[in-house]
C-alpha atoms as a PDB file:
ATOM      1  CA  MET A   1       0.539 -11.915 -11.079  1.00  0.00           C
ATOM      2  CA  THR A   2       1.381 -13.476 -14.431  1.00  0.00           C
ATOM      3  CA  GLU A   3       4.339 -15.717 -15.203  1.00  0.00           C
ATOM      4  CA  ASP A   4       6.105 -12.901 -17.063  1.00  0.00           C
ATOM      5  CA  GLN A   5       5.630 -10.499 -14.162  1.00  0.00           C
ATOM      6  CA  ALA A   6       7.088 -13.073 -11.757  1.00  0.00           C
ATOM      7  CA  ASP A   7      10.077 -13.430 -14.105  1.00  0.00           C
ATOM      8  CA  GLU A   8      10.452  -9.637 -14.120  1.00  0.00           C
ATOM      9  CA  ILE A   9      10.548  -9.524 -10.316  1.00  0.00           C
ATOM     10  CA  LEU A  10      13.082 -12.372 -10.180  1.00  0.00           C
ATOM     11  CA  PHE A  11      15.233 -10.496 -12.685  1.00  0.00           C
ATOM     12  CA  LEU A  12      15.004  -7.366 -10.522  1.00  0.00           C
ATOM     13  CA  MET A  13      15.948  -9.368  -7.438  1.00  0.00           C
ATOM     14  CA  SER A  14      18.933 -10.903  -9.214  1.00  0.00           C
ATOM     15  CA  GLN A  15      20.134  -7.413 -10.142  1.00  0.00           C
ATOM     16  CA  LEU A  16      19.741  -6.098  -6.598  1.00  0.00           C
ATOM     17  CA  TRP A  17      21.325  -9.066  -4.826  1.00  0.00           C
ATOM     18  CA  TRP A  18      23.892 -10.225  -7.374  1.00  0.00           C
ATOM     19  CA  SER A  19      26.434 -12.443  -5.650  1.00  0.00           C
ATOM     20  CA  GLY A  20      28.597 -13.484  -8.596  1.00  0.00           C
ATOM     21  CA  HIS A  21      26.736 -16.694  -9.346  1.00  0.00           C
ATOM     22  CA  PRO A  22      23.072 -17.337 -10.115  1.00  0.00           C
ATOM     23  CA  PRO A  23      20.828 -18.924  -7.500  1.00  0.00           C
ATOM     24  CA  PRO A  24      20.155 -22.654  -7.933  1.00  0.00           C
ATOM     25  CA  ASP A  25      17.405 -23.554 -10.412  1.00  0.00           C
ATOM     26  CA  GLY A  26      15.344 -25.242  -7.700  1.00  0.00           C
ATOM     27  CA  ALA A  27      15.373 -22.072  -5.619  1.00  0.00           C
ATOM     28  CA  LEU A  28      14.341 -19.983  -8.630  1.00  0.00           C
ATOM     29  CA  SER A  29      11.391 -22.256  -9.380  1.00  0.00           C
ATOM     30  CA  LEU A  30      10.276 -22.045  -5.739  1.00  0.00           C
ATOM     31  CA  TRP A  31      10.554 -18.272  -5.858  1.00  0.00           C
ATOM     32  CA  HIS A  32       8.693 -18.163  -9.171  1.00  0.00           C
ATOM     33  CA  THR A  33       5.832 -20.266  -7.810  1.00  0.00           C
ATOM     34  CA  SER A  34       5.710 -18.187  -4.637  1.00  0.00           C
ATOM     35  CA  LEU A  35       5.614 -14.888  -6.537  1.00  0.00           C
ATOM     36  CA  THR A  36       2.778 -15.863  -8.897  1.00  0.00           C
ATOM     37  CA  HIS A  37       0.300 -15.755  -5.978  1.00  0.00           C
ATOM     38  CA  LEU A  38       1.144 -12.153  -5.033  1.00  0.00           C
ATOM     39  CA  GLU A  39       0.193  -8.700  -6.294  1.00  0.00           C
ATOM     40  CA  ARG A  40       2.824  -7.352  -8.678  1.00  0.00           C
ATOM     41  CA  ASP A  41       3.042  -3.738  -7.453  1.00  0.00           C
ATOM     42  CA  ALA A  42       3.160  -4.685  -3.788  1.00  0.00           C
ATOM     43  CA  ALA A  43       5.822  -7.325  -4.503  1.00  0.00           C
ATOM     44  CA  ILE A  44       8.010  -4.814  -6.365  1.00  0.00           C
ATOM     45  CA  GLU A  45       7.700  -2.308  -3.526  1.00  0.00           C
ATOM     46  CA  CYS A  46       8.583  -5.066  -1.080  1.00  0.00           C
ATOM     47  CA  VAL A  47      11.692  -5.972  -3.106  1.00  0.00           C
ATOM     48  CA  HIS A  48      12.836  -2.341  -3.067  1.00  0.00           C
ATOM     49  CA  GLU A  49      12.295  -2.068   0.693  1.00  0.00           C
ATOM     50  CA  LEU A  50      14.154  -5.303   1.369  1.00  0.00           C
ATOM     51  CA  ALA A  51      17.028  -4.194  -0.878  1.00  0.00           C
ATOM     52  CA  GLY A  52      17.712  -1.388   1.576  1.00  0.00           C
ATOM     53  CA  GLU A  53      17.521  -3.691   4.591  1.00  0.00           C
ATOM     54  CA  LYS A  54      19.191  -6.911   3.494  1.00  0.00           C
ATOM     55  CA  PRO A  55      22.606  -7.148   1.804  1.00  0.00           C
ATOM     56  CA  TYR A  56      21.916 -10.719   0.607  1.00  0.00           C
ATOM     57  CA  TRP A  57      19.086 -12.477  -1.202  1.00  0.00           C
ATOM     58  CA  PRO A  58      16.255 -12.833   1.368  1.00  0.00           C
ATOM     59  CA  ALA A  59      14.636 -16.104   2.335  1.00  0.00           C
ATOM     60  CA  ILE A  60      11.160 -16.723   0.948  1.00  0.00           C
ATOM     61  CA  SER A  61       9.771 -16.616   4.497  1.00  0.00           C
ATOM     62  CA  ASP A  62      11.361 -13.196   5.120  1.00  0.00           C
ATOM     63  CA  PHE A  63       9.966 -11.912   1.848  1.00  0.00           C
ATOM     64  CA  ARG A  64       6.490 -13.284   2.614  1.00  0.00           C
ATOM     65  CA  SER A  65       6.339 -11.787   6.107  1.00  0.00           C
ATOM     66  CA  HIS A  66       7.532  -8.410   4.787  1.00  0.00           C
ATOM     67  CA  TYR A  67       5.033  -8.612   1.917  1.00  0.00           C
ATOM     68  CA  THR A  68       2.153  -9.521   4.252  1.00  0.00           C
ATOM     69  CA  ALA A  69       2.969  -6.641   6.604  1.00  0.00           C
ATOM     70  CA  ARG A  70       3.122  -4.238   3.665  1.00  0.00           C
ATOM     71  CA  VAL A  71      -0.239  -5.364   2.260  1.00  0.00           C
ATOM     72  CA  ARG A  72      -1.864  -5.058   5.700  1.00  0.00           C
ATOM     73  CA  ARG A  73      -0.497  -1.535   6.108  1.00  0.00           C
ATOM     74  CA  LYS A  74      -1.903  -0.588   2.718  1.00  0.00           C
ATOM     75  CA  GLN A  75      -5.326  -2.035   3.531  1.00  0.00           C
ATOM     76  CA  GLY A  76      -5.404  -0.254   6.879  1.00  0.00           C
ATOM     77  CA  GLU A  77      -4.807   3.187   5.413  1.00  0.00           C
ATOM     78  CA  VAL A  78      -7.699   5.577   5.722  1.00  0.00           C
ATOM     79  CA  LYS A  79      -7.931   7.951   2.823  1.00  0.00           C
ATOM     80  CA  PRO A  80      -9.545  11.328   3.429  1.00  0.00           C
ATOM     81  CA  VAL A  81     -12.773  11.889   1.584  1.00  0.00           C
ATOM     82  CA  ALA A  82     -13.302  15.253  -0.009  1.00  0.00           C
ATOM     83  CA  ILE A  83     -16.764  16.556   0.788  1.00  0.00           C
ATOM     84  CA  GLU A  84     -18.009  19.011  -1.737  1.00  0.00           C
ATOM     85  CA  ARG A  85     -20.870  21.190  -0.706  1.00  0.00           C
ATOM     86  CA  GLU A  86     -22.147  24.632  -1.263  1.00  0.00           C
ATOM     87  CA  TYR A  87     -22.054  26.961   1.685  1.00  0.00           C
ATOM     88  CA  LEU A  88     -24.551  29.684   2.395  1.00  0.00           C
ATOM     89  CA  PRO A  89     -23.388  33.270   2.353  1.00  0.00           C
ATOM     90  CA  LYS A  90     -22.360  34.708   5.710  1.00  0.00           C
ATOM     91  CA  GLU A  91     -25.453  36.942   5.929  1.00  0.00           C
ATOM     92  CA  GLU A  92     -27.780  33.963   5.444  1.00  0.00           C
ATOM     93  CA  ASN A  93     -25.945  31.997   8.154  1.00  0.00           C
ATOM     94  CA  VAL A  94     -26.189  34.917  10.594  1.00  0.00           C
ATOM     95  CA  LYS A  95     -29.910  35.248   9.858  1.00  0.00           C
ATOM     96  CA  ARG A  96     -30.527  31.539  10.474  1.00  0.00           C
ATOM     97  CA  LEU A  97     -28.520  31.587  13.714  1.00  0.00           C
ATOM     98  CA  ARG A  98     -30.609  34.505  14.995  1.00  0.00           C
ATOM     99  CA  GLU A  99     -33.815  32.629  14.131  1.00  0.00           C
ATOM    100  CA  LEU A 100     -32.582  29.510  15.928  1.00  0.00           C
ATOM    101  CA  ARG A 101     -31.592  31.484  19.025  1.00  0.00           C
ATOM    102  CA  GLU A 102     -34.997  33.193  19.108  1.00  0.00           C
ATOM    103  CA  SER A 103     -36.794  29.875  18.777  1.00  0.00           C
ATOM    104  CA  LEU A 104     -34.672  28.389  21.599  1.00  0.00           C
ATOM    105  CA  ARG A 105     -35.421  31.344  23.853  1.00  0.00           C
ATOM    106  CA  ALA A 106     -39.148  31.063  23.076  1.00  0.00           C
ATOM    107  CA  ASN A 107     -39.167  27.344  23.996  1.00  0.00           C
ATOM    108  CA  ARG A 108     -37.634  27.898  27.456  1.00  0.00           C
END
């Protein structure tokens, strides 16, 4: 994530967990450094999830564990693969099944 994207996420977090006074500058720089190593979209989704769970600004460790769990869930998802193929007409399938049955009976 870029510096500007980390600033955007910090701005979003300050809007969601506004407590009447800004967080200390040292805490913001720690957050900023921590966020630059993460994926932007996953971090934003994590912020939105945590906003529903936590009434106050989360600790960096809470955010990281939530973020890690979210990324692992995303990586573990199995997406269905659409298989496109042409099917034979019903008459052709019936004909082939009859031929296979006859060949099986002949081999017994």
